[in-house]
Amino acid sequence: MANEIIVIQIRKVILDVILLNCIGWPILFLFLWGSAYQRGFFCNDTSLIHPYHESTVPSWTLYITGIALNCVVVSSK
């Protein structure tokens, strides 16, 4: 029974390491050797002529909603 538990834990650790490598190496590769595409803007761009509007949803509403949704999802087991 004890050997079975150790084998299961070793399998979980190996799977975690494999998944971490599958995600970590591409991120590291892009961070070190990737370059972002840069482009300028045009003065006659129609999206630049719209006036600035304040946020329609207050920040505190977003914070409360985000925390509440996370708590509901985590505790809904």
PDB file of N, CA and C in Angstrom:
ATOM      1  N   MET A   1       0.821  -1.198   0.000  1.00  0.00           N
ATOM      2  CA  MET A   1       0.000   0.000   0.000  1.00  0.00           C
ATOM      3  C   MET A   1       0.864   1.260   0.000  1.00  0.00           C
ATOM      4  N   ALA A   2       1.913   1.257   0.822  1.00  0.00           N
ATOM      5  CA  ALA A   2       2.783   2.431   0.902  1.00  0.00           C
ATOM      6  C   ALA A   2       3.550   2.628  -0.402  1.00  0.00           C
ATOM      7  N   ASN A   3       3.998   1.522  -1.007  1.00  0.00           N
ATOM      8  CA  ASN A   3       4.715   1.624  -2.280  1.00  0.00           C
ATOM      9  C   ASN A   3       3.814   2.167  -3.380  1.00  0.00           C
ATOM     10  N   GLU A   4       2.540   1.801  -3.334  1.00  0.00           N
ATOM     11  CA  GLU A   4       1.581   2.279  -4.328  1.00  0.00           C
ATOM     12  C   GLU A   4       1.393   3.788  -4.216  1.00  0.00           C
ATOM     13  N   ILE A   5       1.337   4.301  -2.997  1.00  0.00           N
ATOM     14  CA  ILE A   5       1.176   5.745  -2.783  1.00  0.00           C
ATOM     15  C   ILE A   5       2.408   6.488  -3.286  1.00  0.00           C
ATOM     16  N   ILE A   6       3.592   5.940  -3.032  1.00  0.00           N
ATOM     17  CA  ILE A   6       4.822   6.583  -3.484  1.00  0.00           C
ATOM     18  C   ILE A   6       4.887   6.605  -5.009  1.00  0.00           C
ATOM     19  N   VAL A   7       4.475   5.522  -5.652  1.00  0.00           N
ATOM     20  CA  VAL A   7       4.483   5.467  -7.118  1.00  0.00           C
ATOM     21  C   VAL A   7       3.523   6.496  -7.692  1.00  0.00           C
ATOM     22  N   ILE A   8       2.352   6.638  -7.088  1.00  0.00           N
ATOM     23  CA  ILE A   8       1.374   7.623  -7.561  1.00  0.00           C
ATOM     24  C   ILE A   8       1.929   9.033  -7.389  1.00  0.00           C
ATOM     25  N   GLN A   9       2.577   9.310  -6.261  1.00  0.00           N
ATOM     26  CA  GLN A   9       3.141  10.639  -6.037  1.00  0.00           C
ATOM     27  C   GLN A   9       4.284  10.920  -7.004  1.00  0.00           C
ATOM     28  N   ILE A  10       5.113   9.915  -7.289  1.00  0.00           N
ATOM     29  CA  ILE A  10       6.202  10.107  -8.245  1.00  0.00           C
ATOM     30  C   ILE A  10       5.635  10.386  -9.631  1.00  0.00           C
ATOM     31  N   ARG A  11       4.572   9.689 -10.014  1.00  0.00           N
ATOM     32  CA  ARG A  11       3.938   9.940 -11.314  1.00  0.00           C
ATOM     33  C   ARG A  11       3.401  11.366 -11.389  1.00  0.00           C
ATOM     34  N   LYS A  12       2.798  11.844 -10.305  1.00  0.00           N
ATOM     35  CA  LYS A  12       2.275  13.212 -10.288  1.00  0.00           C
ATOM     36  C   LYS A  12       3.401  14.226 -10.419  1.00  0.00           C
ATOM     37  N   VAL A  13       4.504  13.989  -9.728  1.00  0.00           N
ATOM     38  CA  VAL A  13       5.642  14.905  -9.802  1.00  0.00           C
ATOM     39  C   VAL A  13       6.224  14.908 -11.209  1.00  0.00           C
ATOM     40  N   ILE A  14       6.378  13.738 -11.806  1.00  0.00           N
ATOM     41  CA  ILE A  14       6.913  13.656 -13.169  1.00  0.00           C
ATOM     42  C   ILE A  14       5.985  14.359 -14.152  1.00  0.00           C
ATOM     43  N   LEU A  15       4.681  14.160 -14.010  1.00  0.00           N
ATOM     44  CA  LEU A  15       3.722  14.837 -14.884  1.00  0.00           C
ATOM     45  C   LEU A  15       3.794  16.349 -14.696  1.00  0.00           C
ATOM     46  N   ASP A  16       3.912  16.812 -13.456  1.00  0.00           N
ATOM     47  CA  ASP A  16       4.031  18.247 -13.201  1.00  0.00           C
ATOM     48  C   ASP A  16       5.286  18.822 -13.846  1.00  0.00           C
ATOM     49  N   VAL A  17       6.393  18.113 -13.753  1.00  0.00           N
ATOM     50  CA  VAL A  17       7.642  18.584 -14.355  1.00  0.00           C
ATOM     51  C   VAL A  17       7.516  18.634 -15.874  1.00  0.00           C
ATOM     52  N   ILE A  18       6.901  17.627 -16.469  1.00  0.00           N
ATOM     53  CA  ILE A  18       6.715  17.613 -17.927  1.00  0.00           C
ATOM     54  C   ILE A  18       5.830  18.777 -18.365  1.00  0.00           C
ATOM     55  N   LEU A  19       4.729  18.997 -17.663  1.00  0.00           N
ATOM     56  CA  LEU A  19       3.834  20.102 -18.026  1.00  0.00           C
ATOM     57  C   LEU A  19       4.509  21.453 -17.830  1.00  0.00           C
ATOM     58  N   LEU A  20       5.277  21.592 -16.762  1.00  0.00           N
ATOM     59  CA  LEU A  20       5.997  22.841 -16.521  1.00  0.00           C
ATOM     60  C   LEU A  20       7.003  23.106 -17.637  1.00  0.00           C
ATOM     61  N   ASN A  21       7.686  22.070 -18.085  1.00  0.00           N
ATOM     62  CA  ASN A  21       8.632  22.228 -19.191  1.00  0.00           C
ATOM     63  C   ASN A  21       7.920  22.562 -20.495  1.00  0.00           C
ATOM     64  N   CYS A  22       6.773  21.943 -20.741  1.00  0.00           N
ATOM     65  CA  CYS A  22       6.022  22.214 -21.972  1.00  0.00           C
ATOM     66  C   CYS A  22       5.543  23.656 -22.042  1.00  0.00           C
ATOM     67  N   ILE A  23       5.296  24.253 -20.905  1.00  0.00           N
ATOM     68  CA  ILE A  23       4.836  25.641 -20.885  1.00  0.00           C
ATOM     69  C   ILE A  23       5.994  26.607 -20.659  1.00  0.00           C
ATOM     70  N   GLY A  24       6.931  26.233 -19.829  1.00  0.00           N
ATOM     71  CA  GLY A  24       8.016  27.135 -19.458  1.00  0.00           C
ATOM     72  C   GLY A  24       9.016  27.409 -20.559  1.00  0.00           C
ATOM     73  N   TRP A  25       9.421  26.377 -21.299  1.00  0.00           N
ATOM     74  CA  TRP A  25      10.425  26.581 -22.347  1.00  0.00           C
ATOM     75  C   TRP A  25       9.941  27.501 -23.461  1.00  0.00           C
ATOM     76  N   PRO A  26       8.721  27.348 -23.976  1.00  0.00           N
ATOM     77  CA  PRO A  26       8.275  28.313 -24.999  1.00  0.00           C
ATOM     78  C   PRO A  26       8.197  29.746 -24.477  1.00  0.00           C
ATOM     79  N   ILE A  27       7.775  29.916 -23.230  1.00  0.00           N
ATOM     80  CA  ILE A  27       7.713  31.265 -22.667  1.00  0.00           C
ATOM     81  C   ILE A  27       9.114  31.850 -22.551  1.00  0.00           C
ATOM     82  N   LEU A  28      10.064  31.050 -22.068  1.00  0.00           N
ATOM     83  CA  LEU A  28      11.446  31.512 -21.963  1.00  0.00           C
ATOM     84  C   LEU A  28      12.013  31.834 -23.339  1.00  0.00           C
ATOM     85  N   PHE A  29      11.741  30.980 -24.317  1.00  0.00           N
ATOM     86  CA  PHE A  29      12.215  31.224 -25.681  1.00  0.00           C
ATOM     87  C   PHE A  29      11.680  32.545 -26.220  1.00  0.00           C
ATOM     88  N   LEU A  30      10.385  32.781 -26.065  1.00  0.00           N
ATOM     89  CA  LEU A  30       9.797  34.029 -26.560  1.00  0.00           C
ATOM     90  C   LEU A  30      10.329  35.238 -25.806  1.00  0.00           C
ATOM     91  N   PHE A  31      10.555  35.097 -24.512  1.00  0.00           N
ATOM     92  CA  PHE A  31      11.062  36.213 -23.713  1.00  0.00           C
ATOM     93  C   PHE A  31      12.485  36.582 -24.128  1.00  0.00           C
ATOM     94  N   LEU A  32      13.322  35.586 -24.377  1.00  0.00           N
ATOM     95  CA  LEU A  32      14.719  35.861 -24.690  1.00  0.00           C
ATOM     96  C   LEU A  32      14.943  36.241 -26.148  1.00  0.00           C
ATOM     97  N   TRP A  33      14.273  35.571 -27.086  1.00  0.00           N
ATOM     98  CA  TRP A  33      14.570  35.777 -28.494  1.00  0.00           C
ATOM     99  C   TRP A  33      13.409  36.365 -29.288  1.00  0.00           C
ATOM    100  N   GLY A  34      12.268  36.508 -28.698  1.00  0.00           N
ATOM    101  CA  GLY A  34      11.135  37.059 -29.429  1.00  0.00           C
ATOM    102  C   GLY A  34      11.182  38.575 -29.451  1.00  0.00           C
ATOM    103  N   SER A  35      10.572  39.147 -30.438  1.00  0.00           N
ATOM    104  CA  SER A  35      10.487  40.604 -30.503  1.00  0.00           C
ATOM    105  C   SER A  35       9.059  40.986 -30.855  1.00  0.00           C
ATOM    106  N   ALA A  36       8.599  42.022 -30.217  1.00  0.00           N
ATOM    107  CA  ALA A  36       7.234  42.488 -30.438  1.00  0.00           C
ATOM    108  C   ALA A  36       7.165  43.270 -31.748  1.00  0.00           C
ATOM    109  N   TYR A  37       6.046  43.171 -32.394  1.00  0.00           N
ATOM    110  CA  TYR A  37       5.826  43.910 -33.628  1.00  0.00           C
ATOM    111  C   TYR A  37       5.498  45.344 -33.264  1.00  0.00           C
ATOM    112  N   GLN A  38       6.214  46.290 -33.845  1.00  0.00           N
ATOM    113  CA  GLN A  38       5.977  47.697 -33.557  1.00  0.00           C
ATOM    114  C   GLN A  38       5.496  48.383 -34.824  1.00  0.00           C
ATOM    115  N   ARG A  39       4.503  49.204 -34.655  1.00  0.00           N
ATOM    116  CA  ARG A  39       4.017  49.969 -35.792  1.00  0.00           C
ATOM    117  C   ARG A  39       3.622  51.349 -35.303  1.00  0.00           C
ATOM    118  N   GLY A  40       3.588  52.276 -36.187  1.00  0.00           N
ATOM    119  CA  GLY A  40       3.228  53.639 -35.850  1.00  0.00           C
ATOM    120  C   GLY A  40       1.736  53.866 -35.995  1.00  0.00           C
ATOM    121  N   PHE A  41       1.339  55.118 -35.939  1.00  0.00           N
ATOM    122  CA  PHE A  41      -0.066  55.456 -36.142  1.00  0.00           C
ATOM    123  C   PHE A  41      -0.143  56.526 -37.224  1.00  0.00           C
ATOM    124  N   PHE A  42      -1.310  56.622 -37.803  1.00  0.00           N
ATOM    125  CA  PHE A  42      -1.530  57.592 -38.858  1.00  0.00           C
ATOM    126  C   PHE A  42      -2.435  58.695 -38.330  1.00  0.00           C
ATOM    127  N   CYS A  43      -2.124  59.916 -38.677  1.00  0.00           N
ATOM    128  CA  CYS A  43      -2.901  61.048 -38.172  1.00  0.00           C
ATOM    129  C   CYS A  43      -4.341  61.033 -38.675  1.00  0.00           C
ATOM    130  N   ASN A  44      -4.612  60.438 -39.802  1.00  0.00           N
ATOM    131  CA  ASN A  44      -5.979  60.390 -40.319  1.00  0.00           C
ATOM    132  C   ASN A  44      -6.705  59.105 -39.918  1.00  0.00           C
ATOM    133  N   ASP A  45      -6.207  58.418 -38.900  1.00  0.00           N
ATOM    134  CA  ASP A  45      -6.857  57.203 -38.404  1.00  0.00           C
ATOM    135  C   ASP A  45      -8.165  57.596 -37.725  1.00  0.00           C
ATOM    136  N   THR A  46      -9.279  57.012 -38.154  1.00  0.00           N
ATOM    137  CA  THR A  46     -10.588  57.409 -37.628  1.00  0.00           C
ATOM    138  C   THR A  46     -10.795  56.994 -36.176  1.00  0.00           C
ATOM    139  N   SER A  47     -10.078  55.990 -35.704  1.00  0.00           N
ATOM    140  CA  SER A  47     -10.255  55.584 -34.308  1.00  0.00           C
ATOM    141  C   SER A  47      -9.601  56.567 -33.343  1.00  0.00           C
ATOM    142  N   LEU A  48      -8.745  57.468 -33.830  1.00  0.00           N
ATOM    143  CA  LEU A  48      -8.084  58.440 -32.964  1.00  0.00           C
ATOM    144  C   LEU A  48      -8.884  59.723 -32.792  1.00  0.00           C
ATOM    145  N   ILE A  49      -9.918  59.926 -33.571  1.00  0.00           N
ATOM    146  CA  ILE A  49     -10.647  61.187 -33.501  1.00  0.00           C
ATOM    147  C   ILE A  49     -11.807  61.146 -32.512  1.00  0.00           C
ATOM    148  N   HIS A  50     -12.062  59.988 -31.901  1.00  0.00           N
ATOM    149  CA  HIS A  50     -13.141  59.902 -30.928  1.00  0.00           C
ATOM    150  C   HIS A  50     -12.700  60.519 -29.608  1.00  0.00           C
ATOM    151  N   PRO A  51     -13.607  61.211 -28.911  1.00  0.00           N
ATOM    152  CA  PRO A  51     -13.220  61.832 -27.636  1.00  0.00           C
ATOM    153  C   PRO A  51     -13.003  60.781 -26.547  1.00  0.00           C
ATOM    154  N   TYR A  52     -12.216  61.151 -25.543  1.00  0.00           N
ATOM    155  CA  TYR A  52     -11.928  60.256 -24.427  1.00  0.00           C
ATOM    156  C   TYR A  52     -13.132  60.199 -23.498  1.00  0.00           C
ATOM    157  N   HIS A  53     -13.516  58.998 -23.080  1.00  0.00           N
ATOM    158  CA  HIS A  53     -14.606  58.805 -22.129  1.00  0.00           C
ATOM    159  C   HIS A  53     -14.062  58.111 -20.892  1.00  0.00           C
ATOM    160  N   GLU A  54     -14.559  58.511 -19.761  1.00  0.00           N
ATOM    161  CA  GLU A  54     -14.177  57.850 -18.516  1.00  0.00           C
ATOM    162  C   GLU A  54     -14.704  56.424 -18.521  1.00  0.00           C
ATOM    163  N   SER A  55     -14.209  55.627 -17.601  1.00  0.00           N
ATOM    164  CA  SER A  55     -14.632  54.237 -17.493  1.00  0.00           C
ATOM    165  C   SER A  55     -16.113  54.170 -17.140  1.00  0.00           C
ATOM    166  N   THR A  56     -16.827  53.233 -17.746  1.00  0.00           N
ATOM    167  CA  THR A  56     -18.254  53.105 -17.470  1.00  0.00           C
ATOM    168  C   THR A  56     -18.528  52.268 -16.230  1.00  0.00           C
ATOM    169  N   VAL A  57     -17.555  51.448 -15.819  1.00  0.00           N
ATOM    170  CA  VAL A  57     -17.711  50.609 -14.637  1.00  0.00           C
ATOM    171  C   VAL A  57     -16.658  51.038 -13.622  1.00  0.00           C
ATOM    172  N   PRO A  58     -17.074  51.360 -12.394  1.00  0.00           N
ATOM    173  CA  PRO A  58     -16.090  51.767 -11.386  1.00  0.00           C
ATOM    174  C   PRO A  58     -15.125  50.629 -11.047  1.00  0.00           C
ATOM    175  N   SER A  59     -13.921  50.999 -10.659  1.00  0.00           N
ATOM    176  CA  SER A  59     -12.894  49.999 -10.353  1.00  0.00           C
ATOM    177  C   SER A  59     -13.295  49.121  -9.183  1.00  0.00           C
ATOM    178  N   TRP A  60     -13.944  49.697  -8.176  1.00  0.00           N
ATOM    179  CA  TRP A  60     -14.292  48.901  -6.997  1.00  0.00           C
ATOM    180  C   TRP A  60     -15.278  47.795  -7.360  1.00  0.00           C
ATOM    181  N   THR A  61     -16.154  48.041  -8.346  1.00  0.00           N
ATOM    182  CA  THR A  61     -17.087  47.006  -8.782  1.00  0.00           C
ATOM    183  C   THR A  61     -16.336  45.840  -9.428  1.00  0.00           C
ATOM    184  N   LEU A  62     -15.339  46.161 -10.220  1.00  0.00           N
ATOM    185  CA  LEU A  62     -14.540  45.111 -10.849  1.00  0.00           C
ATOM    186  C   LEU A  62     -13.778  44.304  -9.812  1.00  0.00           C
ATOM    187  N   TYR A  63     -13.223  44.973  -8.806  1.00  0.00           N
ATOM    188  CA  TYR A  63     -12.474  44.269  -7.761  1.00  0.00           C
ATOM    189  C   TYR A  63     -13.379  43.321  -6.984  1.00  0.00           C
ATOM    190  N   ILE A  64     -14.536  43.812  -6.561  1.00  0.00           N
ATOM    191  CA  ILE A  64     -15.456  42.982  -5.774  1.00  0.00           C
ATOM    192  C   ILE A  64     -15.962  41.810  -6.609  1.00  0.00           C
ATOM    193  N   THR A  65     -16.341  42.075  -7.847  1.00  0.00           N
ATOM    194  CA  THR A  65     -16.830  41.002  -8.713  1.00  0.00           C
ATOM    195  C   THR A  65     -15.748  39.957  -8.970  1.00  0.00           C
ATOM    196  N   GLY A  66     -14.538  40.398  -9.230  1.00  0.00           N
ATOM    197  CA  GLY A  66     -13.443  39.466  -9.476  1.00  0.00           C
ATOM    198  C   GLY A  66     -13.135  38.598  -8.276  1.00  0.00           C
ATOM    199  N   ILE A  67     -13.083  39.192  -7.098  1.00  0.00           N
ATOM    200  CA  ILE A  67     -12.803  38.419  -5.884  1.00  0.00           C
ATOM    201  C   ILE A  67     -13.958  37.482  -5.573  1.00  0.00           C
ATOM    202  N   ALA A  68     -15.192  37.966  -5.701  1.00  0.00           N
ATOM    203  CA  ALA A  68     -16.357  37.134  -5.394  1.00  0.00           C
ATOM    204  C   ALA A  68     -16.455  35.944  -6.350  1.00  0.00           C
ATOM    205  N   LEU A  69     -16.244  36.166  -7.633  1.00  0.00           N
ATOM    206  CA  LEU A  69     -16.307  35.058  -8.589  1.00  0.00           C
ATOM    207  C   LEU A  69     -15.223  34.022  -8.319  1.00  0.00           C
ATOM    208  N   ASN A  70     -14.025  34.486  -7.989  1.00  0.00           N
ATOM    209  CA  ASN A  70     -12.957  33.541  -7.657  1.00  0.00           C
ATOM    210  C   ASN A  70     -13.303  32.730  -6.420  1.00  0.00           C
ATOM    211  N   CYS A  71     -13.853  33.368  -5.403  1.00  0.00           N
ATOM    212  CA  CYS A  71     -14.238  32.648  -4.182  1.00  0.00           C
ATOM    213  C   CYS A  71     -15.330  31.620  -4.470  1.00  0.00           C
ATOM    214  N   VAL A  72     -16.303  31.979  -5.287  1.00  0.00           N
ATOM    215  CA  VAL A  72     -17.387  31.052  -5.618  1.00  0.00           C
ATOM    216  C   VAL A  72     -16.852  29.854  -6.393  1.00  0.00           C
ATOM    217  N   VAL A  73     -15.981  30.100  -7.356  1.00  0.00           N
ATOM    218  CA  VAL A  73     -15.443  29.004  -8.162  1.00  0.00           C
ATOM    219  C   VAL A  73     -14.574  28.084  -7.318  1.00  0.00           C
ATOM    220  N   VAL A  74     -13.745  28.650  -6.463  1.00  0.00           N
ATOM    221  CA  VAL A  74     -12.850  27.829  -5.648  1.00  0.00           C
ATOM    222  C   VAL A  74     -13.626  27.032  -4.610  1.00  0.00           C
ATOM    223  N   SER A  75     -14.652  27.626  -4.022  1.00  0.00           N
ATOM    224  CA  SER A  75     -15.377  26.952  -2.944  1.00  0.00           C
ATOM    225  C   SER A  75     -16.542  26.096  -3.442  1.00  0.00           C
ATOM    226  N   SER A  76     -16.761  25.987  -4.739  1.00  0.00           N
ATOM    227  CA  SER A  76     -17.923  25.252  -5.244  1.00  0.00           C
ATOM    228  C   SER A  76     -17.629  23.777  -5.494  1.00  0.00           C
ATOM    229  N   LYS A  77     -16.783  23.198  -4.715  1.00  0.00           N
ATOM    230  CA  LYS A  77     -16.471  21.785  -4.912  1.00  0.00           C
ATOM    231  C   LYS A  77     -17.417  20.882  -4.193  1.00  0.00           C
TER     232      LYS A  77
END
